Structure formats: C-alpha cells, structure tokens
C-alpha cells in the first residue's frame, strides 16, 4: 500500500489504485503530492500501488483489475479511483470521489491537452484519473486484460462505460 489517511470525520472511503511500471521519478512526485491534496479534502483513503513482476509485460488493465480485487480485502471501499502515476491534480477544487449514477472522469482538463475540455479529450477519452463505485466497475466488467504495454485500455474502458451508461 502507498499510504492511508483516516480523518476523524469523513463521508466516503476511497481506494486509489495506481498501476505502476518503471516510472520511479513519477511515483516519487505522485506520492509526495497526492497525500497532502487528499488530506485537504478530508478523505478516508488508501493508496494501492500495483506493479507486475519484472519479467512480465506490463498490462495496465490487468493491474487495475488486480488493484480493485486486492483493495477490497482491506476495506469496504465506497469508491475506486484509478489513477495514472503521471497525473497530478493542480486545483484543490477538483474533488476526488464517485458520482453515484455514472462512472466519473476526474482528469477532465489536463496540461497535455492545453486544459481544453473540447474535441478529442471530451468525446474520446476516459483515462488518466477515473472513478467508479463497486457496482459501476462490476457493471462494465472492469478493464480489459488484452492490451499490453501502455495504451488502448482507456479507449476500451470508455466504450465499456458508454455501452452501459449512454449519455
């Protein structure tokens, strides 16, 4: 586990699942930055770093699914946030948590896209930082396990979400 925070008063319990592979610089920044950010939001959270064995090809979707399953052995989490290690929230108003009716894209405007919420990012992207209740994650059958390396699992997740939660 990458850390835990249990405030005296809290409304929601969140598992932060971070698939990780060979990005130590990003990981150090992430851990140093994310804890104070989440503590300010008064969130009860646990961070789960999921790293495959070195001799296995990285499968981000599988890593996130493993994180979902393993995190439930520790707690009855209300919300599961899947967080890329190279994404850092820049605004304290960006509230971490789940939407109770539909899965939530938390990383709605990112620096790599010039903070735009139009076009490709709005219509074709569901990755970076996403949030699901347990029921929502199970309804879309988690992330695909067929994509190796980095990429495409986010596109697949978007299609899974849209097939179960048409907007």
C-alpha atoms as a PDB file:
ATOM      1  CA  UNK A   1       0.000   0.000   0.000  1.00  0.00           C
ATOM      2  CA  UNK A   2       1.203   3.511  -0.820  1.00  0.00           C
ATOM      3  CA  UNK A   3      -0.374   5.184   2.193  1.00  0.00           C
ATOM      4  CA  UNK A   4      -3.598   5.696   4.089  1.00  0.00           C
ATOM      5  CA  UNK A   5      -5.498   8.552   5.716  1.00  0.00           C
ATOM      6  CA  UNK A   6      -8.349   8.132   8.186  1.00  0.00           C
ATOM      7  CA  UNK A   7      -9.670  11.543   9.266  1.00  0.00           C
ATOM      8  CA  UNK A   8     -11.786  11.940  12.401  1.00  0.00           C
ATOM      9  CA  UNK A   9     -14.837  12.832  10.304  1.00  0.00           C
ATOM     10  CA  UNK A  10     -15.300  11.545   6.776  1.00  0.00           C
ATOM     11  CA  UNK A  11     -18.117  10.934   4.303  1.00  0.00           C
ATOM     12  CA  UNK A  12     -16.638   8.460   1.852  1.00  0.00           C
ATOM     13  CA  UNK A  13     -13.933   5.774   1.778  1.00  0.00           C
ATOM     14  CA  UNK A  14     -11.854   5.800  -1.390  1.00  0.00           C
ATOM     15  CA  UNK A  15      -9.345   3.282  -2.748  1.00  0.00           C
ATOM     16  CA  UNK A  16      -6.824   4.991  -5.036  1.00  0.00           C
ATOM     17  CA  UNK A  17      -5.442   2.344  -7.393  1.00  0.00           C
ATOM     18  CA  UNK A  18      -2.214   3.252  -9.180  1.00  0.00           C
ATOM     19  CA  UNK A  19      -0.839   0.920 -11.870  1.00  0.00           C
ATOM     20  CA  UNK A  20       2.922   1.337 -11.873  1.00  0.00           C
ATOM     21  CA  UNK A  21       5.844   0.237 -14.021  1.00  0.00           C
ATOM     22  CA  UNK A  22       9.352   1.724 -14.290  1.00  0.00           C
ATOM     23  CA  UNK A  23       8.439   5.354 -13.571  1.00  0.00           C
ATOM     24  CA  UNK A  24      10.186   5.950 -10.259  1.00  0.00           C
ATOM     25  CA  UNK A  25      10.507   9.718 -10.750  1.00  0.00           C
ATOM     26  CA  UNK A  26       6.759   9.981 -11.415  1.00  0.00           C
ATOM     27  CA  UNK A  27       5.984   7.744  -8.450  1.00  0.00           C
ATOM     28  CA  UNK A  28       8.040   9.836  -6.026  1.00  0.00           C
ATOM     29  CA  UNK A  29       6.321  13.027  -7.213  1.00  0.00           C
ATOM     30  CA  UNK A  30       2.914  11.393  -7.090  1.00  0.00           C
ATOM     31  CA  UNK A  31       3.273  10.119  -3.519  1.00  0.00           C
ATOM     32  CA  UNK A  32       4.729  13.401  -2.279  1.00  0.00           C
ATOM     33  CA  UNK A  33       1.956  15.426  -3.941  1.00  0.00           C
ATOM     34  CA  UNK A  34      -1.190  13.293  -3.656  1.00  0.00           C
ATOM     35  CA  UNK A  35      -1.216  12.785   0.121  1.00  0.00           C
ATOM     36  CA  UNK A  36      -1.478  16.494   1.054  1.00  0.00           C
ATOM     37  CA  UNK A  37      -4.015  17.028  -1.738  1.00  0.00           C
ATOM     38  CA  UNK A  38      -6.302  14.250  -0.473  1.00  0.00           C
ATOM     39  CA  UNK A  39      -5.842  15.150   3.202  1.00  0.00           C
ATOM     40  CA  UNK A  40      -7.085  18.696   2.403  1.00  0.00           C
ATOM     41  CA  UNK A  41     -10.270  17.105   1.039  1.00  0.00           C
ATOM     42  CA  UNK A  42     -10.792  15.264   4.336  1.00  0.00           C
ATOM     43  CA  UNK A  43     -10.991  11.924   2.548  1.00  0.00           C
ATOM     44  CA  UNK A  44     -10.637   8.489   4.118  1.00  0.00           C
ATOM     45  CA  UNK A  45      -8.399   6.837   1.550  1.00  0.00           C
ATOM     46  CA  UNK A  46      -5.930   4.080   0.871  1.00  0.00           C
ATOM     47  CA  UNK A  47      -3.440   4.150  -1.999  1.00  0.00           C
ATOM     48  CA  UNK A  48      -2.667   0.859  -3.729  1.00  0.00           C
ATOM     49  CA  UNK A  49       0.384   0.674  -5.992  1.00  0.00           C
ATOM     50  CA  UNK A  50       0.073  -2.257  -8.368  1.00  0.00           C
ATOM     51  CA  UNK A  51       3.311  -3.318 -10.016  1.00  0.00           C
ATOM     52  CA  UNK A  52       3.618  -6.508 -12.068  1.00  0.00           C
ATOM     53  CA  UNK A  53       6.602  -8.796 -11.748  1.00  0.00           C
ATOM     54  CA  UNK A  54       9.627  -7.501 -13.666  1.00  0.00           C
ATOM     55  CA  UNK A  55       9.669 -10.441 -16.083  1.00  0.00           C
ATOM     56  CA  UNK A  56       6.061  -9.827 -17.217  1.00  0.00           C
ATOM     57  CA  UNK A  57       4.977  -7.441 -19.960  1.00  0.00           C
ATOM     58  CA  UNK A  58       3.047  -4.542 -18.441  1.00  0.00           C
ATOM     59  CA  UNK A  59      -0.732  -4.834 -18.709  1.00  0.00           C
ATOM     60  CA  UNK A  60      -2.309  -1.706 -17.249  1.00  0.00           C
ATOM     61  CA  UNK A  61      -5.893  -3.000 -17.421  1.00  0.00           C
ATOM     62  CA  UNK A  62      -4.948  -6.199 -15.615  1.00  0.00           C
ATOM     63  CA  UNK A  63      -3.018  -4.204 -12.998  1.00  0.00           C
ATOM     64  CA  UNK A  64      -6.065  -2.028 -12.322  1.00  0.00           C
ATOM     65  CA  UNK A  65      -8.339  -5.066 -12.065  1.00  0.00           C
ATOM     66  CA  UNK A  66      -5.922  -6.694  -9.609  1.00  0.00           C
ATOM     67  CA  UNK A  67      -5.862  -3.468  -7.587  1.00  0.00           C
ATOM     68  CA  UNK A  68      -9.662  -3.426  -7.469  1.00  0.00           C
ATOM     69  CA  UNK A  69      -9.802  -7.019  -6.184  1.00  0.00           C
ATOM     70  CA  UNK A  70      -6.913  -6.722  -3.720  1.00  0.00           C
ATOM     71  CA  UNK A  71      -8.056  -3.403  -2.241  1.00  0.00           C
ATOM     72  CA  UNK A  72     -11.364  -4.974  -1.231  1.00  0.00           C
ATOM     73  CA  UNK A  73      -9.507  -7.374   1.054  1.00  0.00           C
ATOM     74  CA  UNK A  74      -8.550  -4.398   3.256  1.00  0.00           C
ATOM     75  CA  UNK A  75     -11.742  -2.394   3.400  1.00  0.00           C
ATOM     76  CA  UNK A  76     -15.291  -1.978   2.165  1.00  0.00           C
ATOM     77  CA  UNK A  77     -14.470   0.983  -0.083  1.00  0.00           C
ATOM     78  CA  UNK A  78     -17.256   3.262  -1.363  1.00  0.00           C
ATOM     79  CA  UNK A  79     -15.322   4.472  -4.381  1.00  0.00           C
ATOM     80  CA  UNK A  80     -12.429   3.232  -6.513  1.00  0.00           C
ATOM     81  CA  UNK A  81     -10.252   5.796  -8.270  1.00  0.00           C
ATOM     82  CA  UNK A  82      -7.894   4.505 -10.953  1.00  0.00           C
ATOM     83  CA  UNK A  83      -5.023   6.975 -11.129  1.00  0.00           C
ATOM     84  CA  UNK A  84      -2.150   7.156 -13.613  1.00  0.00           C
ATOM     85  CA  UNK A  85       1.092   7.808 -11.747  1.00  0.00           C
ATOM     86  CA  UNK A  86       1.968  10.701 -14.073  1.00  0.00           C
ATOM     87  CA  UNK A  87      -1.266  12.640 -13.425  1.00  0.00           C
ATOM     88  CA  UNK A  88      -1.288  15.170 -10.590  1.00  0.00           C
ATOM     89  CA  UNK A  89      -4.277  17.319  -9.630  1.00  0.00           C
ATOM     90  CA  UNK A  90      -3.473  21.021  -9.907  1.00  0.00           C
ATOM     91  CA  UNK A  91      -6.596  22.507  -8.361  1.00  0.00           C
ATOM     92  CA  UNK A  92      -7.932  21.869  -4.858  1.00  0.00           C
ATOM     93  CA  UNK A  93     -11.455  22.297  -6.256  1.00  0.00           C
ATOM     94  CA  UNK A  94     -11.007  19.070  -8.225  1.00  0.00           C
ATOM     95  CA  UNK A  95     -12.890  16.847  -5.788  1.00  0.00           C
ATOM     96  CA  UNK A  96     -11.922  13.203  -5.640  1.00  0.00           C
ATOM     97  CA  UNK A  97     -14.867  10.858  -5.317  1.00  0.00           C
ATOM     98  CA  UNK A  98     -17.507   8.938  -7.229  1.00  0.00           C
ATOM     99  CA  UNK A  99     -20.691  10.013  -8.906  1.00  0.00           C
ATOM    100  CA  UNK A 100     -23.383   7.654  -7.656  1.00  0.00           C
ATOM    101  CA  UNK A 101     -25.171   7.292 -11.013  1.00  0.00           C
ATOM    102  CA  UNK A 102     -22.369   7.039 -13.575  1.00  0.00           C
ATOM    103  CA  UNK A 103     -18.596   6.473 -13.689  1.00  0.00           C
ATOM    104  CA  UNK A 104     -16.665   9.733 -13.436  1.00  0.00           C
ATOM    105  CA  UNK A 105     -13.736  11.141 -15.385  1.00  0.00           C
ATOM    106  CA  UNK A 106     -11.790  13.165 -12.813  1.00  0.00           C
ATOM    107  CA  UNK A 107      -8.957  14.270 -15.116  1.00  0.00           C
ATOM    108  CA  UNK A 108     -11.295  16.370 -17.250  1.00  0.00           C
ATOM    109  CA  UNK A 109      -8.778  19.082 -18.250  1.00  0.00           C
ATOM    110  CA  UNK A 110      -5.083  18.239 -18.366  1.00  0.00           C
ATOM    111  CA  UNK A 111      -1.964  20.150 -19.321  1.00  0.00           C
ATOM    112  CA  UNK A 112      -1.089  17.754 -22.174  1.00  0.00           C
ATOM    113  CA  UNK A 113      -4.283  18.887 -23.947  1.00  0.00           C
ATOM    114  CA  UNK A 114      -3.872  22.568 -23.048  1.00  0.00           C
ATOM    115  CA  UNK A 115      -6.569  22.216 -20.355  1.00  0.00           C
ATOM    116  CA  UNK A 116      -9.166  22.009 -23.111  1.00  0.00           C
ATOM    117  CA  UNK A 117     -12.474  20.289 -22.430  1.00  0.00           C
ATOM    118  CA  UNK A 118     -13.424  20.260 -26.124  1.00  0.00           C
ATOM    119  CA  UNK A 119     -12.954  17.862 -29.002  1.00  0.00           C
ATOM    120  CA  UNK A 120     -10.907  14.704 -28.596  1.00  0.00           C
ATOM    121  CA  UNK A 121     -10.498  14.941 -24.866  1.00  0.00           C
ATOM    122  CA  UNK A 122     -14.191  15.442 -24.161  1.00  0.00           C
ATOM    123  CA  UNK A 123     -15.555  12.945 -26.668  1.00  0.00           C
ATOM    124  CA  UNK A 124     -12.982  10.179 -26.922  1.00  0.00           C
ATOM    125  CA  UNK A 125     -11.057   9.988 -23.671  1.00  0.00           C
ATOM    126  CA  UNK A 126     -11.799   8.174 -20.431  1.00  0.00           C
ATOM    127  CA  UNK A 127      -8.486   7.689 -18.704  1.00  0.00           C
ATOM    128  CA  UNK A 128      -5.854   9.288 -16.538  1.00  0.00           C
ATOM    129  CA  UNK A 129      -7.955   9.519 -13.386  1.00  0.00           C
ATOM    130  CA  UNK A 130     -11.344   7.774 -13.333  1.00  0.00           C
ATOM    131  CA  UNK A 131     -13.749   6.916 -10.519  1.00  0.00           C
ATOM    132  CA  UNK A 132     -16.228   4.079 -10.111  1.00  0.00           C
ATOM    133  CA  UNK A 133     -18.418   2.723  -7.385  1.00  0.00           C
ATOM    134  CA  UNK A 134     -18.028  -1.020  -6.914  1.00  0.00           C
ATOM    135  CA  UNK A 135     -21.327  -1.596  -8.716  1.00  0.00           C
ATOM    136  CA  UNK A 136     -20.327   0.587 -11.677  1.00  0.00           C
ATOM    137  CA  UNK A 137     -16.962  -1.143 -12.058  1.00  0.00           C
ATOM    138  CA  UNK A 138     -18.565  -4.567 -11.949  1.00  0.00           C
ATOM    139  CA  UNK A 139     -21.278  -3.483 -14.407  1.00  0.00           C
ATOM    140  CA  UNK A 140     -18.660  -2.628 -17.059  1.00  0.00           C
ATOM    141  CA  UNK A 141     -16.736  -5.815 -16.168  1.00  0.00           C
ATOM    142  CA  UNK A 142     -13.637  -3.874 -15.158  1.00  0.00           C
ATOM    143  CA  UNK A 143     -10.835  -3.035 -17.546  1.00  0.00           C
ATOM    144  CA  UNK A 144      -9.843  -5.209 -20.480  1.00  0.00           C
ATOM    145  CA  UNK A 145      -6.922  -7.560 -19.874  1.00  0.00           C
ATOM    146  CA  UNK A 146      -5.969  -7.894 -23.559  1.00  0.00           C
ATOM    147  CA  UNK A 147      -3.850  -4.741 -24.017  1.00  0.00           C
ATOM    148  CA  UNK A 148      -0.151  -4.995 -23.231  1.00  0.00           C
ATOM    149  CA  UNK A 149       2.158  -2.030 -22.837  1.00  0.00           C
ATOM    150  CA  UNK A 150       0.707   1.449 -22.447  1.00  0.00           C
ATOM    151  CA  UNK A 151      -2.454   2.454 -24.258  1.00  0.00           C
ATOM    152  CA  UNK A 152      -5.837   1.362 -25.597  1.00  0.00           C
ATOM    153  CA  UNK A 153      -7.176   0.162 -22.233  1.00  0.00           C
ATOM    154  CA  UNK A 154      -8.531   3.699 -21.669  1.00  0.00           C
ATOM    155  CA  UNK A 155     -10.311   3.680 -25.040  1.00  0.00           C
ATOM    156  CA  UNK A 156     -11.752   0.267 -24.279  1.00  0.00           C
ATOM    157  CA  UNK A 157     -12.932   1.467 -20.843  1.00  0.00           C
ATOM    158  CA  UNK A 158     -14.669   4.435 -22.485  1.00  0.00           C
ATOM    159  CA  UNK A 159     -16.559   2.082 -24.813  1.00  0.00           C
ATOM    160  CA  UNK A 160     -17.496  -0.175 -21.889  1.00  0.00           C
ATOM    161  CA  UNK A 161     -18.807   2.801 -19.922  1.00  0.00           C
ATOM    162  CA  UNK A 162     -20.789   4.138 -22.892  1.00  0.00           C
ATOM    163  CA  UNK A 163     -22.320   0.713 -23.566  1.00  0.00           C
ATOM    164  CA  UNK A 164     -23.691   0.545 -20.006  1.00  0.00           C
ATOM    165  CA  UNK A 165     -24.209   4.260 -19.300  1.00  0.00           C
ATOM    166  CA  UNK A 166     -25.248   6.030 -22.529  1.00  0.00           C
ATOM    167  CA  UNK A 167     -25.004   9.808 -22.168  1.00  0.00           C
END
